[in-house]
Protein backbone atom coordinates (compact mmCIF):
# COMPACT_ATOMS: atom_id res chain seq x y z
CA MET A 1 3.29 16.45 37.02
CA GLU A 2 4.56 17.52 34.04
CA LEU A 3 5.31 13.57 33.41
CA LEU A 4 2.05 12.91 33.02
CA ASN A 5 1.10 15.92 31.54
CA VAL A 6 3.66 15.33 28.48
CA ALA A 7 2.25 11.37 28.51
CA LEU A 8 -1.44 12.37 28.51
CA SER A 9 -0.69 15.21 25.06
CA SER A 10 1.01 12.54 23.43
CA LEU A 11 -1.73 10.17 23.53
CA LEU A 12 -4.41 13.14 22.54
CA SER A 13 -2.08 13.45 20.07
CA ILE A 14 -2.14 9.94 18.35
CA VAL A 15 -5.49 9.51 19.20
CA VAL A 16 -6.37 13.52 17.25
CA LEU A 17 -3.65 11.77 14.34
CA PHE A 18 -5.45 9.00 14.17
CA LEU A 19 -8.83 10.15 13.26
CA LEU A 20 -7.62 12.31 10.92
CA ALA A 21 -5.39 9.56 9.43
CA LYS A 22 -9.29 8.17 8.88
CA LEU A 23 -11.10 11.46 7.96
CA MET A 24 -8.69 12.34 5.05
CA GLY A 25 -8.39 8.54 3.98
CA ASP A 26 -6.45 5.94 3.89
CA LYS A 27 -3.22 6.07 1.01
CA GLN A 28 -0.08 3.99 0.45
CA ILE A 29 3.26 7.08 0.32
CA SER A 30 3.00 5.58 -3.77
CA GLN A 31 -0.63 7.19 -4.30
CA MET A 32 -0.07 10.46 -2.35
CA SER A 33 0.57 13.66 -4.58
CA ILE A 34 2.77 16.56 -3.48
CA PHE A 35 -0.34 18.08 -1.79
CA ASP A 36 -1.16 14.49 0.55
CA TYR A 37 2.56 14.63 1.27
CA ILE A 38 3.34 18.00 2.17
CA ASN A 39 -0.17 18.41 4.54
CA GLY A 40 1.11 15.26 6.20
CA ILE A 41 4.17 15.92 7.18
CA THR A 42 2.88 19.60 8.36
CA ILE A 43 0.47 17.56 10.61
CA GLY A 44 2.58 15.20 12.11
CA SER A 45 5.27 18.20 12.94
CA ILE A 46 1.88 20.04 15.22
CA ALA A 47 1.23 16.50 16.77
CA ALA A 48 4.62 16.49 18.01
CA GLU A 49 4.54 20.09 19.27
CA LEU A 50 1.14 18.86 20.72
CA ALA A 51 2.83 16.24 22.41
CA THR A 52 4.99 18.54 24.37
CA GLU A 53 3.17 22.00 24.53
CA LEU A 54 1.65 22.34 28.01
CA GLU A 55 1.01 25.62 28.52
CA ALA A 56 -1.41 26.20 25.76
CA PRO A 57 -2.18 22.96 23.82
CA ILE A 58 -4.99 24.03 22.49
CA ARG A 59 -3.19 26.29 19.86
CA PRO A 60 -1.41 22.98 17.96
CA LEU A 61 -4.65 20.58 18.60
CA VAL A 62 -6.46 22.94 16.54
CA ALA A 63 -4.32 23.88 13.72
CA MET A 64 -4.01 19.95 13.05
CA THR A 65 -8.01 19.86 12.84
CA VAL A 66 -7.85 22.80 10.55
CA TYR A 67 -5.39 20.84 8.20
CA GLY A 68 -7.39 17.77 8.06
CA VAL A 69 -10.08 19.24 8.25
CA LEU A 70 -8.70 21.13 5.30
CA ALA A 71 -7.28 17.68 3.31
CA PHE A 72 -10.87 16.64 3.91
CA LEU A 73 -12.69 18.68 2.10
CA ILE A 74 -9.69 19.37 -1.12
CA SER A 75 -10.47 15.64 -1.19
CA ILE A 76 -14.30 16.04 -2.21
CA ILE A 77 -13.88 19.35 -4.64
CA THR A 78 -11.05 17.45 -6.41
CA SER A 79 -13.99 14.64 -6.63
CA LYS A 80 -16.36 16.60 -8.47
CA SER A 81 -14.56 18.90 -10.71
CA LEU A 82 -12.07 17.75 -13.12
CA LYS A 83 -10.24 21.07 -13.43
CA ILE A 84 -9.47 21.37 -9.87
CA ARG A 85 -8.23 17.67 -9.97
CA LYS A 86 -5.63 18.99 -12.27
CA ILE A 87 -5.12 21.97 -10.30
CA ILE A 88 -3.97 20.09 -7.23
CA ASN A 89 -3.04 16.43 -8.36
CA GLY A 90 -1.60 17.49 -12.07
CA GLN A 91 -1.75 15.56 -14.92
CA PRO A 92 -0.25 12.51 -16.11
CA VAL A 93 2.72 13.44 -18.50
CA ILE A 94 3.88 10.93 -21.59
CA LEU A 95 8.11 10.59 -21.19
CA MET A 96 8.42 8.05 -24.53
CA GLU A 97 6.28 6.44 -27.04
CA ASN A 98 6.64 4.59 -30.26
CA GLY A 99 10.47 4.63 -29.82
CA MET A 100 10.64 8.82 -28.58
CA ILE A 101 11.55 10.11 -25.62
CA TYR A 102 10.05 13.57 -25.33
CA ARG A 103 12.53 15.98 -23.63
CA ASP A 104 10.78 19.04 -22.79
CA ASN A 105 8.07 16.42 -21.02
CA PHE A 106 11.31 15.29 -18.69
CA LYS A 107 12.13 18.41 -17.66
CA LYS A 108 8.57 19.42 -16.93
CA VAL A 109 8.28 16.97 -14.29
CA ARG A 110 12.06 17.57 -13.54
CA LEU A 111 12.87 13.34 -13.74
CA ASP A 112 16.48 12.98 -15.68
CA LEU A 113 17.44 10.30 -17.76
CA SER A 114 18.73 8.08 -15.07
CA GLU A 115 16.19 8.51 -12.96
CA PHE A 116 14.10 7.85 -16.09
CA LEU A 117 15.82 4.15 -16.32
CA MET A 118 16.25 3.53 -12.67
CA PHE A 119 11.80 3.30 -13.19
CA CYS A 120 12.04 0.79 -16.29
CA ARG A 121 14.13 -1.76 -15.04
CA VAL A 122 12.16 -1.67 -11.64
CA ASN A 123 9.50 -2.33 -13.67
CA GLY A 124 11.41 -4.83 -15.36
CA TYR A 125 12.64 -3.30 -18.34
CA PHE A 126 16.32 -3.13 -19.33
CA ASP A 127 16.34 -2.65 -22.68
CA LEU A 128 14.04 0.80 -23.47
CA SER A 129 13.12 -0.83 -27.14
CA GLN A 130 10.54 -2.91 -25.30
CA ILE A 131 8.25 -0.39 -24.61
CA GLN A 132 5.62 1.38 -26.69
CA THR A 133 4.84 4.30 -24.43
CA ALA A 134 6.19 5.43 -20.58
CA ILE A 135 3.47 7.97 -18.42
CA TRP A 136 4.70 9.96 -15.57
CA GLU A 137 1.62 9.27 -13.17
CA HIS A 138 1.15 12.73 -10.39
CA ASN A 139 2.01 10.22 -7.62
CA GLY A 140 5.77 10.18 -8.93
CA ALA A 141 5.77 6.91 -10.68
CA VAL A 142 6.10 5.88 -14.36
CA SER A 143 3.20 3.61 -15.77
CA ILE A 144 5.15 1.55 -18.79
CA LEU A 145 2.93 -0.08 -21.36
CA PRO A 146 5.28 -2.48 -23.13
CA ILE A 147 5.21 -3.31 -27.43
CA SER A 148 2.68 -6.30 -27.62
CA ASN A 149 5.07 -8.26 -28.43
CA GLN A 150 6.84 -8.36 -25.60
CA ARG A 151 4.30 -8.92 -23.04
CA PRO A 152 3.91 -11.76 -20.91
CA VAL A 153 1.32 -14.38 -22.52
CA THR A 154 -2.53 -14.41 -21.75
CA PRO A 155 -5.06 -17.48 -21.13
CA ASN A 156 -6.75 -15.32 -23.78
CA ASP A 157 -3.92 -15.19 -26.27
CA LEU A 158 -4.19 -19.12 -25.95
CA ASN A 159 -7.40 -19.55 -26.07
CA LEU A 160 -7.29 -21.28 -22.91
CA ASN A 161 -10.47 -20.61 -20.31
CA PRO A 162 -8.94 -21.24 -16.62
CA PRO A 163 -11.42 -21.05 -13.75
CA GLN A 164 -11.46 -18.05 -11.84
CA GLU A 165 -9.10 -17.80 -9.10
CA MET A 166 -10.70 -16.94 -5.78
CA PRO A 167 -8.90 -15.59 -2.49
CA VAL A 168 -7.54 -18.03 0.35
CA THR A 169 -9.17 -17.35 3.69
CA THR A 170 -6.87 -17.35 6.95
CA VAL A 171 -8.17 -20.00 9.24
CA LEU A 172 -4.81 -20.00 11.40
CA LEU A 173 -2.35 -17.53 12.04
CA ASP A 174 0.88 -17.32 14.30
CA GLY A 175 -0.91 -20.48 15.93
CA HIS A 176 -4.48 -19.31 16.60
CA VAL A 177 -7.01 -20.70 15.06
CA LEU A 178 -9.94 -18.05 13.52
CA SER A 179 -13.09 -19.37 14.33
CA GLU A 180 -15.15 -16.83 12.65
CA ASN A 181 -12.91 -17.34 9.34
CA LEU A 182 -13.46 -21.05 9.09
CA LYS A 183 -16.68 -20.62 9.84
CA ARG A 184 -17.20 -18.53 6.89
CA VAL A 185 -15.56 -21.13 4.55
CA GLY A 186 -18.19 -23.56 5.78
CA GLN A 187 -15.82 -25.36 7.97
CA ASN A 188 -14.51 -26.07 11.93
CA ILE A 189 -12.53 -26.69 14.24
CA THR A 190 -13.17 -30.69 13.83
CA TRP A 191 -12.13 -30.05 10.12
CA LEU A 192 -9.29 -28.16 10.84
CA THR A 193 -7.46 -30.77 12.87
CA LYS A 194 -7.75 -33.07 10.97
CA GLU A 195 -6.38 -31.35 7.77
CA LEU A 196 -3.32 -30.62 9.79
CA LYS A 197 -3.23 -34.20 11.28
CA ASN A 198 -2.85 -35.54 7.70
CA GLN A 199 -0.31 -33.29 6.45
CA GLY A 200 2.03 -34.27 9.62
CA TYR A 201 1.28 -31.48 12.65
CA ALA A 202 -0.47 -32.37 15.64
CA SER A 203 -1.44 -29.24 16.88
CA PRO A 204 -2.06 -25.38 15.53
CA GLN A 205 0.70 -24.44 18.19
CA GLU A 206 3.07 -25.64 15.37
CA VAL A 207 1.51 -23.67 12.56
CA PHE A 208 2.45 -20.65 12.02
CA LEU A 209 -0.33 -19.91 8.85
CA ALA A 210 -2.52 -21.91 7.41
CA THR A 211 -5.09 -20.51 5.10
CA CYS A 212 -7.59 -22.74 2.93
CA SER A 213 -8.85 -22.04 -0.85
CA SER A 214 -12.55 -21.56 -2.37
CA ASP A 215 -12.30 -25.78 -2.75
CA HIS A 216 -11.09 -25.99 1.21
CA GLN A 217 -8.19 -27.21 0.24
CA LEU A 218 -5.54 -26.00 3.26
CA SER A 219 -2.14 -24.79 2.49
CA VAL A 220 -0.14 -24.88 5.80
CA PHE A 221 3.25 -23.09 6.76
CA PRO A 222 4.96 -24.32 9.89
CA MET A 223 5.98 -22.38 13.17
CA VAL A 224 9.78 -22.18 12.33
CA LYS A 225 12.12 -20.89 15.08
CA LYS A 226 15.33 -20.85 13.50
CA ARG A 227 16.77 -17.67 12.01
CA ILE A 228 17.71 -18.32 8.22
CA PRO A 229 21.21 -16.34 7.84
CA ALA A 230 20.67 -13.68 5.03
CA ASP A 231 24.59 -13.55 3.47
CA ARG A 232 23.25 -14.98 -0.43
CA PHE A 233 21.46 -11.30 -0.40
CA GLU A 234 25.05 -9.73 0.59
């Protein structure tokens, strides 16, 4: 009986956690503010307590709800008030500009120079002379504006007007045909089967992924069973 209660409490905590997550909104870890991060950890800890609390499960349930609703209300307030948003989320801080590295700003965000160089390398800059401005964002990321002659060439630089690319649509996934997506691109199973045969596939079961572009070009990725060794990355 006790194990059944634990199972039911765990199920309840998962359901409540899911509902609170939807209420607070989906964010990646890199997009979270310090408040979001701490609040998420706290709610997760309370959910774990709820899963094993058999005598008074209502207490952690109420606590989870309070934290979730509070986070939701704060997100509404910060979206309406710039001053409160600055207090809760913080502000961007310029770390480097015009060849000058601002030491006091590094201290303000508690970032050391080695970490800054790591962020630069992650963004593809191994030479600081290629950077015009580096900004510390409130979510802990570093945004970098390169010097104009170091940035990638764009079609506008070459006076070109390439056609606008559109997202491809997945029409076959893990051997299963996605009929609704086929309809969205204006095709049917007969067209798909014909295109697969033209590319050497006897049936959808031989395909791991197939996508269709806006001009009805089918890209097919076969179902590969064997494992590829990763020695070259070691």
